[in-house]
Each structure stands twice: as C-alpha cells, then as structure tokens.
Protein backbone atom coordinates (compact mmCIF):
# COMPACT_ATOMS: atom_id res chain seq x y z
CA UNK A 1 100.46 77.62 124.44
CA UNK A 2 97.61 77.11 121.99
CA UNK A 3 95.37 80.06 121.33
CA UNK A 4 91.98 79.74 123.02
CA UNK A 5 88.81 79.80 121.01
CA UNK A 6 86.00 77.40 120.24
CA UNK A 7 85.81 76.94 116.47
CA UNK A 8 82.75 75.24 115.09
CA UNK A 9 84.63 73.61 112.20
CA UNK A 10 87.32 71.92 114.30
CA UNK A 11 87.14 68.15 114.96
CA UNK A 12 88.36 68.03 118.58
CA UNK A 13 87.12 70.31 121.38
CA UNK A 14 88.85 70.59 124.73
CA UNK A 15 86.32 71.28 127.46
CA UNK A 16 86.93 72.25 131.06
CA UNK A 17 84.23 70.86 133.37
CA UNK A 18 83.96 72.88 136.61
CA UNK A 19 82.00 70.65 138.99
CA UNK A 20 82.71 69.76 142.61
CA UNK A 21 80.47 66.63 142.46
CA UNK A 22 82.81 63.95 141.09
CA UNK A 23 79.92 61.67 140.14
CA UNK A 24 78.09 64.32 138.15
CA UNK A 25 81.34 65.58 136.64
CA UNK A 26 82.08 62.04 135.52
CA UNK A 27 78.64 61.82 133.90
CA UNK A 28 79.35 65.01 131.94
CA UNK A 29 82.73 63.71 130.78
CA UNK A 30 81.29 60.35 129.70
CA UNK A 31 78.44 62.02 127.84
CA UNK A 32 80.80 64.32 125.94
CA UNK A 33 83.31 61.53 125.26
CA UNK A 34 80.55 59.45 123.61
CA UNK A 35 80.07 62.14 120.95
CA UNK A 36 81.64 61.35 117.58
CA UNK A 37 80.96 64.60 115.75
CA UNK A 38 82.66 66.54 117.17
CA UNK A 39 85.03 64.71 119.50
CA UNK A 40 85.28 66.13 123.01
CA UNK A 41 88.17 65.84 125.43
CA UNK A 42 87.42 66.88 129.00
CA UNK A 43 89.25 67.92 132.13
CA UNK A 44 87.60 68.50 135.50
CA UNK A 45 88.22 71.20 138.12
CA UNK A 46 86.39 71.11 141.48
CA UNK A 47 86.72 74.78 142.48
CA UNK A 48 86.58 78.13 140.72
CA UNK A 49 90.12 78.95 141.83
CA UNK A 50 91.52 75.77 140.30
CA UNK A 51 89.53 76.41 137.12
CA UNK A 52 90.84 79.95 136.72
CA UNK A 53 94.41 78.67 137.13
CA UNK A 54 93.86 76.14 134.32
CA UNK A 55 92.17 78.73 132.07
CA UNK A 56 95.15 81.06 132.47
CA UNK A 57 97.39 78.24 131.23
CA UNK A 58 95.23 78.05 128.10
CA UNK A 59 94.26 75.20 125.82
CA UNK A 60 90.48 75.10 126.35
CA UNK A 61 87.81 75.61 123.70
CA UNK A 62 84.79 75.68 125.99
CA UNK A 63 83.65 75.50 129.63
CA UNK A 64 80.80 73.72 131.42
CA UNK A 65 80.36 75.22 134.88
CA UNK A 66 78.20 74.49 137.92
CA UNK A 67 77.18 77.78 139.53
CA UNK A 68 77.27 76.25 143.00
CA UNK A 69 80.93 75.65 143.88
CA UNK A 70 82.70 75.43 147.25
CA UNK A 71 84.49 78.76 146.73
CA UNK A 72 81.88 80.64 144.69
CA UNK A 73 78.12 80.59 144.15
CA UNK A 74 75.61 82.05 141.72
CA UNK A 75 76.31 84.69 139.12
CA UNK A 76 79.53 85.80 140.85
CA UNK A 77 81.02 82.55 139.57
CA UNK A 78 80.15 83.47 136.00
CA UNK A 79 81.43 87.02 136.32
CA UNK A 80 84.80 85.73 137.51
CA UNK A 81 84.88 83.03 134.87
CA UNK A 82 84.02 84.82 131.66
CA UNK A 83 84.77 88.51 131.27
CA UNK A 84 83.55 89.80 127.92
CA UNK A 85 86.84 89.28 126.12
CA UNK A 86 86.95 85.54 126.92
CA UNK A 87 86.95 83.82 123.50
CA UNK A 88 85.33 80.48 124.40
CA UNK A 89 81.65 79.65 125.10
CA UNK A 90 80.40 78.90 128.60
CA UNK A 91 77.45 76.63 129.43
CA UNK A 92 76.26 76.87 133.04
CA UNK A 93 74.55 74.24 135.18
CA UNK A 94 71.81 75.24 137.63
CA UNK A 95 69.85 73.35 140.26
CA UNK A 96 66.48 71.88 139.26
CA UNK A 97 64.48 74.65 140.97
CA UNK A 98 66.80 77.50 139.92
CA UNK A 99 66.09 77.95 136.22
CA UNK A 100 65.78 81.70 136.70
CA UNK A 101 69.49 81.86 137.58
CA UNK A 102 70.26 80.12 134.27
CA UNK A 103 68.36 82.78 132.34
CA UNK A 104 70.18 85.52 134.23
CA UNK A 105 73.49 83.81 133.48
CA UNK A 106 72.79 84.03 129.75
CA UNK A 107 72.17 87.76 130.12
CA UNK A 108 75.50 88.02 131.98
CA UNK A 109 77.46 86.42 129.13
CA UNK A 110 76.96 82.64 129.20
CA UNK A 111 75.99 81.12 125.87
CA UNK A 112 73.49 78.63 127.35
CA UNK A 113 72.38 76.86 130.52
CA UNK A 114 71.17 73.39 131.53
CA UNK A 115 69.23 72.27 134.56
CA UNK A 116 71.41 69.85 136.51
CA UNK A 117 69.73 66.54 135.67
CA UNK A 118 70.86 63.43 133.79
CA UNK A 119 68.25 64.04 131.09
CA UNK A 120 69.55 67.56 130.43
CA UNK A 121 73.18 66.43 130.39
CA UNK A 122 72.37 63.97 127.60
CA UNK A 123 71.92 66.88 125.17
CA UNK A 124 75.10 68.67 126.30
CA UNK A 125 77.18 67.80 123.17
CA UNK A 126 74.63 69.50 120.95
CA UNK A 127 74.20 72.42 123.36
CA UNK A 128 77.97 73.03 123.37
CA UNK A 129 78.12 73.00 119.56
CA UNK A 130 75.27 75.52 119.34
CA UNK A 131 76.88 77.61 122.08
CA UNK A 132 80.09 77.69 120.06
CA UNK A 133 78.23 78.99 117.02
CA UNK A 134 76.56 81.70 119.08
CA UNK A 135 79.93 82.70 120.54
CA UNK A 136 81.39 83.03 117.07
CA UNK A 137 78.41 85.14 115.97
CA UNK A 138 78.83 87.31 119.05
CA UNK A 139 82.53 87.85 118.29
CA UNK A 140 81.76 88.75 114.67
CA UNK A 141 79.17 91.28 115.80
CA UNK A 142 81.59 92.77 118.33
CA UNK A 143 84.26 93.05 115.64
CA UNK A 144 81.79 94.71 113.27
CA UNK A 145 80.80 97.20 115.95
CA UNK A 146 84.46 97.98 116.66
CA UNK A 147 85.09 98.56 112.94
CA UNK A 148 82.06 100.85 112.83
CA UNK A 149 83.47 102.77 115.79
CA UNK A 150 86.88 103.10 114.09
CA UNK A 151 85.21 104.12 110.85
CA UNK A 152 83.13 106.83 112.54
CA UNK A 153 86.14 108.23 114.38
CA UNK A 154 88.44 108.18 111.34
CA UNK A 155 85.92 109.62 108.90
CA UNK A 156 84.73 112.30 111.32
CA UNK A 157 88.29 113.51 111.86
CA UNK A 158 89.38 113.40 108.23
CA UNK A 159 86.25 115.02 106.84
CA UNK A 160 86.34 117.80 109.40
CA UNK A 161 89.81 119.01 108.34
CA UNK A 162 89.08 119.87 104.67
CA UNK A 163 85.65 121.21 105.59
CA UNK A 164 87.24 123.58 108.09
CA UNK A 165 89.77 124.79 105.50
CA UNK A 166 87.06 125.32 102.88
CA UNK A 167 84.94 127.29 105.34
CA UNK A 168 87.90 129.49 106.32
CA UNK A 169 88.83 130.15 102.69
CA UNK A 170 85.30 131.12 101.72
CA UNK A 171 85.05 133.28 104.82
CA UNK A 172 88.25 135.10 103.86
CA UNK A 173 86.89 135.95 100.41
CA UNK A 174 83.42 136.93 101.61
CA UNK A 175 84.55 138.94 104.63
CA UNK A 176 87.15 140.96 102.74
CA UNK A 177 85.83 141.60 99.23
CA UNK A 178 88.43 144.31 98.73
CA UNK A 179 91.32 141.84 98.41
CA UNK A 180 93.12 141.84 95.09
CA UNK A 181 92.17 139.22 92.54
CA UNK A 182 95.43 137.24 92.79
CA UNK A 183 95.03 136.86 96.57
CA UNK A 184 91.42 135.70 96.18
CA UNK A 185 92.51 133.24 93.52
CA UNK A 186 95.10 131.65 95.82
CA UNK A 187 92.52 131.33 98.60
CA UNK A 188 89.95 129.76 96.26
CA UNK A 189 92.55 127.37 94.87
CA UNK A 190 93.17 126.18 98.42
CA UNK A 191 89.44 125.71 98.89
CA UNK A 192 89.18 123.74 95.65
CA UNK A 193 92.12 121.52 96.60
CA UNK A 194 90.45 120.64 99.90
CA UNK A 195 87.12 120.05 98.17
CA UNK A 196 88.87 117.51 95.92
CA UNK A 197 90.45 115.89 98.97
CA UNK A 198 87.02 115.67 100.56
CA UNK A 199 85.57 114.07 97.44
CA UNK A 200 88.46 111.57 97.37
CA UNK A 201 87.86 110.56 101.00
CA UNK A 202 84.15 110.03 100.38
CA UNK A 203 84.85 108.02 97.22
CA UNK A 204 87.35 105.84 99.11
CA UNK A 205 84.71 104.95 101.68
CA UNK A 206 82.14 104.14 98.98
CA UNK A 207 84.64 102.06 97.00
CA UNK A 208 85.74 100.10 100.06
CA UNK A 209 82.15 99.26 100.96
CA UNK A 210 81.48 98.06 97.41
CA UNK A 211 84.59 95.89 97.20
CA UNK A 212 84.13 94.54 100.72
CA UNK A 213 80.59 93.42 99.91
CA UNK A 214 81.59 91.90 96.57
CA UNK A 215 79.78 94.55 94.53
CA UNK A 216 82.86 96.10 92.92
CA UNK A 217 82.44 96.81 89.22
CA UNK A 218 85.18 95.94 86.73
CA UNK A 219 85.62 96.51 83.02
CA UNK A 220 87.68 93.57 81.83
CA UNK A 221 89.97 93.99 78.85
CA UNK A 222 93.48 92.97 77.72
CA UNK A 223 96.01 95.39 79.22
CA UNK A 224 99.78 95.65 79.23
CA UNK A 225 100.88 96.20 82.84
CA UNK A 226 104.23 97.74 81.81
CA UNK A 227 102.40 100.45 79.85
CA UNK A 228 100.14 101.23 82.79
CA UNK A 229 103.17 101.40 85.12
CA UNK A 230 104.98 103.72 82.71
CA UNK A 231 102.02 106.10 82.58
CA UNK A 232 101.68 106.16 86.38
CA UNK A 233 105.41 106.77 86.77
CA UNK A 234 105.08 109.85 84.56
CA UNK A 235 102.31 111.15 86.83
CA UNK A 236 104.47 111.08 89.97
CA UNK A 237 107.66 112.45 88.36
CA UNK A 238 107.04 116.07 89.45
CA UNK A 239 107.09 114.95 93.10
CA UNK A 240 110.14 112.74 92.46
CA UNK A 241 112.02 115.73 91.05
CA UNK A 242 110.84 118.00 93.85
CA UNK A 243 112.30 115.62 96.45
CA UNK A 244 115.46 115.12 94.33
CA UNK A 245 115.04 111.34 94.24
CA UNK A 246 116.26 108.95 91.57
CA UNK A 247 113.60 106.98 89.68
CA UNK A 248 114.54 103.81 87.81
CA UNK A 249 112.00 102.11 85.52
CA UNK A 250 112.68 98.60 84.20
CA UNK A 251 110.55 96.09 82.34
CA UNK A 252 110.97 92.90 80.35
CA UNK A 253 110.42 93.06 76.61
CA UNK A 254 107.48 91.42 74.86
CA UNK A 255 105.34 91.01 77.98
CA UNK A 256 101.90 89.46 77.37
CA UNK A 257 98.71 91.40 78.10
CA UNK A 258 96.69 90.55 81.19
CA UNK A 259 92.91 90.41 81.47
CA UNK A 260 92.26 93.25 83.89
CA UNK A 261 90.47 96.48 84.64
CA UNK A 262 92.88 99.17 83.47
CA UNK A 263 91.53 101.91 85.74
CA UNK A 264 91.62 99.78 88.88
CA UNK A 265 95.11 98.35 88.26
CA UNK A 266 96.37 101.87 87.49
CA UNK A 267 94.86 102.95 90.80
CA UNK A 268 96.84 100.29 92.70
CA UNK A 269 100.11 101.01 90.88
CA UNK A 270 99.74 104.76 91.36
CA UNK A 271 99.00 104.34 95.07
CA UNK A 272 102.10 102.19 95.60
CA UNK A 273 104.38 104.46 93.59
CA UNK A 274 103.00 107.52 95.35
CA UNK A 275 103.53 105.92 98.77
CA UNK A 276 107.10 104.99 97.84
CA UNK A 277 107.86 108.62 96.97
CA UNK A 278 105.95 109.96 99.98
CA UNK A 279 107.89 107.89 102.51
CA UNK A 280 111.35 108.19 100.92
CA UNK A 281 113.47 111.22 101.77
CA UNK A 282 116.63 110.24 99.88
CA UNK A 283 117.83 107.57 97.51
CA UNK A 284 115.79 105.97 94.75
CA UNK A 285 112.47 104.49 93.70
CA UNK A 286 112.71 101.46 91.41
CA UNK A 287 109.80 100.14 89.35
CA UNK A 288 109.92 96.78 87.54
CA UNK A 289 107.47 94.83 85.39
CA UNK A 290 108.50 91.32 84.40
CA UNK A 291 107.28 87.81 83.64
CA UNK A 292 107.25 85.47 86.63
CA UNK A 293 106.10 82.05 85.48
CA UNK A 294 102.39 82.23 84.72
CA UNK A 295 102.17 85.74 86.16
CA UNK A 296 103.08 89.25 85.08
CA UNK A 297 104.58 90.92 88.11
CA UNK A 298 104.79 94.61 88.99
CA UNK A 299 107.23 95.61 91.70
CA UNK A 300 108.07 98.97 93.27
CA UNK A 301 110.88 99.36 95.78
CA UNK A 302 112.18 102.33 97.73
CA UNK A 303 115.04 103.29 100.03
CA UNK A 304 112.77 104.85 102.63
CA UNK A 305 112.46 104.18 106.33
CA UNK A 306 110.87 100.78 105.87
CA UNK A 307 108.21 99.04 107.95
CA UNK A 308 108.71 97.28 111.24
CA UNK A 309 108.12 93.53 111.12
CA UNK A 310 105.31 93.70 113.68
CA UNK A 311 103.49 96.29 111.53
CA UNK A 312 103.52 94.26 108.30
CA UNK A 313 100.34 92.25 109.14
CA UNK A 314 98.45 95.54 109.63
CA UNK A 315 99.29 96.97 106.21
CA UNK A 316 96.19 95.85 104.33
CA UNK A 317 93.75 96.10 107.22
CA UNK A 318 90.99 98.66 106.93
CA UNK A 319 91.29 101.89 108.93
CA UNK A 320 94.92 101.12 109.80
CA UNK A 321 97.64 103.73 109.37
CA UNK A 322 101.20 102.89 110.31
CA UNK A 323 103.25 105.74 111.71
CA UNK A 324 106.99 105.06 112.17
CA UNK A 325 108.18 105.54 115.77
CA UNK A 326 109.60 108.95 116.52
CA UNK A 327 107.88 110.60 113.54
CA UNK A 328 104.77 112.70 113.30
CA UNK A 329 101.91 111.60 111.09
CA UNK A 330 102.68 113.13 107.71
CA UNK A 331 99.61 112.35 105.70
CA UNK A 332 95.86 112.38 106.06
CA UNK A 333 93.49 109.66 105.02
CA UNK A 334 91.37 107.05 106.74
CA UNK A 335 93.52 103.97 106.22
CA UNK A 336 91.56 102.44 103.33
CA UNK A 337 93.98 102.81 100.40
CA UNK A 338 95.85 99.52 100.79
CA UNK A 339 92.71 97.69 101.93
CA UNK A 340 91.02 98.70 98.66
CA UNK A 341 94.15 97.70 96.71
CA UNK A 342 94.00 94.22 98.21
CA UNK A 343 90.34 93.83 97.25
CA UNK A 344 91.10 94.89 93.67
CA UNK A 345 93.99 92.46 93.30
CA UNK A 346 91.95 89.61 94.78
CA UNK A 347 89.19 90.28 92.26
CA UNK A 348 91.81 89.85 89.52
CA UNK A 349 92.93 86.51 90.94
CA UNK A 350 96.27 88.13 91.74
CA UNK A 351 98.73 87.98 94.59
CA UNK A 352 100.22 90.66 96.83
CA UNK A 353 103.60 90.54 98.52
CA UNK A 354 105.39 93.03 100.77
CA UNK A 355 108.99 92.81 101.95
CA UNK A 356 110.56 95.43 104.17
CA UNK A 357 113.69 95.97 106.20
CA UNK A 358 113.22 98.66 108.80
CA UNK A 359 115.68 101.46 108.16
CA UNK A 360 116.46 100.34 104.60
CA UNK A 361 113.30 100.30 102.50
CA UNK A 362 110.25 98.42 101.26
CA UNK A 363 109.23 96.37 98.22
CA UNK A 364 105.58 96.06 97.16
CA UNK A 365 104.72 93.60 94.41
CA UNK A 366 101.58 92.37 92.72
CA UNK A 367 101.30 89.38 90.39
CA UNK A 368 98.48 89.02 87.89
CA UNK A 369 97.80 85.67 86.19
CA UNK A 370 98.30 85.23 82.46
CA UNK A 371 96.35 82.72 80.42
CA UNK A 372 98.64 81.78 77.53
CA UNK A 373 95.77 80.97 75.17
CA UNK A 374 93.89 84.14 76.05
CA UNK A 375 97.05 86.24 75.93
CA UNK A 376 97.57 85.55 72.21
CA UNK A 377 93.97 86.55 71.44
CA UNK A 378 94.27 89.66 73.61
CA UNK A 379 97.54 90.64 71.97
CA UNK A 380 96.08 90.41 68.46
CA UNK A 381 93.03 92.44 69.48
CA UNK A 382 95.02 95.01 71.48
CA UNK A 383 97.63 95.66 68.76
CA UNK A 384 95.15 96.25 65.93
C-alpha cells in the first residue's frame, strides 16, 4: 500500500471525488483529467461510507468532497473525512447559496472550498495544487511545533537536574559553615561539575541551532584525521581503564591530510569514542583510520549491546535518545549530540554510516573527501 500524501512536486495525483451526482462527478473527473501539469487520476465514491472504506485502503493524494451526501451532510461530513492527522488536502464543494459553510469548512480543516457550479469546477486543478501546497506548509508548521514542544520538555528536564544539584551543594556550604575544608571542597567540586554540565547543555542547544540554520562557523585547514583520532583516544583512556576494556587503535601509514575544521572533527570523533566506551560493559573498542578510495575514513567499533534495527533511523534525529529495552536510562543529555555530528560531517561534504547487530555491537564511521591536488599542497604546508 502506497503511503498517502499529496506532494506538490509529483507528476501524477490520485484524487478521490466524493459526489453522489454522477453527472457532476463526471464533470469534475473530466476537468481534472484535462490538466497536463500535473496529471490527475480520479476515482468516484457516491457516499461517505464508501469513501472512508477507500481511504482506509490508501493510495489517494487528495480529496474533492460534496458536503451534501446521502449518508452525511454539512460539516459532519468533513469531520469524519479528515481528522487532523490526515496527510492529504481536502477541497469541499458547497451549494450556490451556502458559501458560509465553505468558509466554516476551511476553519474545520479543509484546505479550500468551491461553490458547486461548472464555472468554479473549471479552476479545480489549480485549486487542488494550491491546496496541496497549503497542506504541506501546515504539516511543516505542525512538525516545527512538535519539535518545539520536545525541545522545551527535554531542555526543561535536563537543565533542572544540574541546577538542583548546584543549589543543594551551595546550600550545604552556606548552611553549615563549620564543616571542615576538605568536605566543603568535595561539595563545591560537585557544584562545579554540574555547572560545567549545564554550560555544555546550553552550548549544545546553541550549536544545534546554528548548524541547523546553516550558520555554523568553521576554520578550514589541512588536518590529519589519524592524529586527531589518536589524541581523542588518549582523552578517553582513563574511562577505558576504569571499565577494564581493551582499546585497539589502527591506522594506515602515510594518510593524506583532509581540509577540515580540526575542533569540529575532534568533537565528532570524541563523541563517538565516548559513546562506544559508555555503552560497552565488556570486550573491546576498536578505532581505525584508513584510506577508502577518495576518502579518509574514521571508524570506531565496540562490543556493546548494539542498536535495534528499528532504532537505527532515529539515531541522528534531534531530541532522540535510544534506550535499550530492559535497561534504565544511564546518561543525561537532550538528544542533540549525534544530530550535531551529522550537521558537522555534512558541512565537510562527508558521509556517515552506522552498522549494528543487536546484542553484539555497533560500528560508526565517517568518511571525509580528499582532493589529491589539494592534499599535496596541504601536506607540504602542514609538515613545515
């Protein structure tokens, strides 16, 4: 069954005409069929019940509906036909002296209305195309509002936690000034750690907004990805040793430099290595940097729990956090880390790939393009 949805850019639109008058329904079908851009294919239903059965089967991109049907009349017809989640546009037909009902129908969720005359039907192809555009705009707005809702909920929760800890730590010091210095120091260290976490969360939100709007700032220079990976591996080694994991680092020799922003690529590599360690309880982490055709490729694999196949498409979505079944959420955050990583790699003209077998482990890889002519110049400049 084809997914429903009226897409302005498509060349063929399937339209369900709900009209009990066979003559007028035929006029609508002929009018739409005469359109060349786009092409319309129509099917007619004479009752609301029959129409709902066909809609449940799927395959329609839009609906033209008379509000006066044998089994339903007025706005009740529209309410049955197009609940808010319905993805296609609906254009309603009203009687000549009932234009007010058409306006009310638009407020109830229809994209447009036409008075039921031959003259009005002649502009139906254009009306449907405009209705489709309005439906797409409406869906984009609804999606944006839902993202805003998720953002508000996620940020409110994650900011509240470190703020609460900081407040409690400061309260402990202020309310009991007689505590020994070492105890106060431990409490203040906890407060400082949570203040840094708070700053990191705020910076993540700001960075995501910049990258999402195309305003991310990059300092381009020739960089050796294997050197960056080696430095980031050294940063996570204390946690690797604490968890008693094995860490294997491999890279090809004589790799070319890549035009990139060192800080941003280091950020991606560190995030992936850190996640690999975080979600692996035993076994090893393996990091590789190697030449892959016209790309330099970084790859980090782990022997952790892995990611379920149905969760893979969610990985790089904003405000998404994947929690394995049967486990408690281990880490904080607002689900922006991988979304930011994807934006960074896209800005570099790179590619991202994730492979995972649930119960066995995950492999993250990024590939950054190498220009052979530029690489020689970069190498000479970098090695001076």
